[in-house]
């Protein structure tokens, strides 16, 4: 007759299983994270390709990052008689169309704007309004990518920037992983302005612009829930790193995309003030007037 397992033998088996689980679970987690990063990079490459096609159609002039629109998604929601419009879009939402929606004819698929590394990604509309101030619900068109505010204009502030005006297209950030639709780099010490920039996007013109770096990665400057509402510098840094384990995907002006250490993205203006990836003119910085 076959002898049954003893208690000691069962405990040994359980211990071996526990050891294997402790070894394998982190491996599986890293593999899952790597898969998300690969998918996110592929999606950003599609956005870069769409941008390239857009430029060919519009005489090498970049798109606006936001336009006034008499019939955006919010108005369509209201016109459809939906009672949840204010919950989805925010009662103070203004009629706007955002840069991802301007690229829609070229992307053909809104889902590429939903980053697999974003904790609560949405595109077009956010039914939950989670962690957003009510006026900002669904504002921005999506919450996974941001345009470089030093490059892209909105209507009412002048025309779009010609692609040919960018000094080094292979070393200029145009789109990056973020939680708001436009973003700026982190400024070291006193606010400064790009020497080539003269529009309203100059950080000197708005106190909040100096903190737009807190929209990078999975950080969000205009957070509604939590105390304090705006993340501290230390918390923002951790949230930025969460997107892809310390890296972000960057689309450059020549439309190629690659993963870049998040700290390099965040601090590149400080570390390379005369040749920063954030500066399309590569003309350096000067003190605010």
Foldseek 3Di string as FASTA:
>chain_A
DDDDDDPVRVVVVVVVVVVVCVVVVVVVVLVVLVVLVVLLQVLLLQVLVLQVVVCVVVVQFGDAQKEADPCALLNVCVVVVDPCSLQWQNPQAHRMDGDVNVSCVRSVDQCSLFRPLAPQKDFRIDNHCAQADSNCGCPQRIFFKEFQLQQHHYPPFDGHHRLVLQPDQVLAFGMKTFGHHHAYAADDPAQWAFPVGDTPLTCVNDVCNNVRLLRAANGDQRTDDDVPSGDDPVVSCVRNCSSRNQWMWTQTRNSRIDIDGSVCRRCQCVVQQQRGNSHRNSHGIDHDD
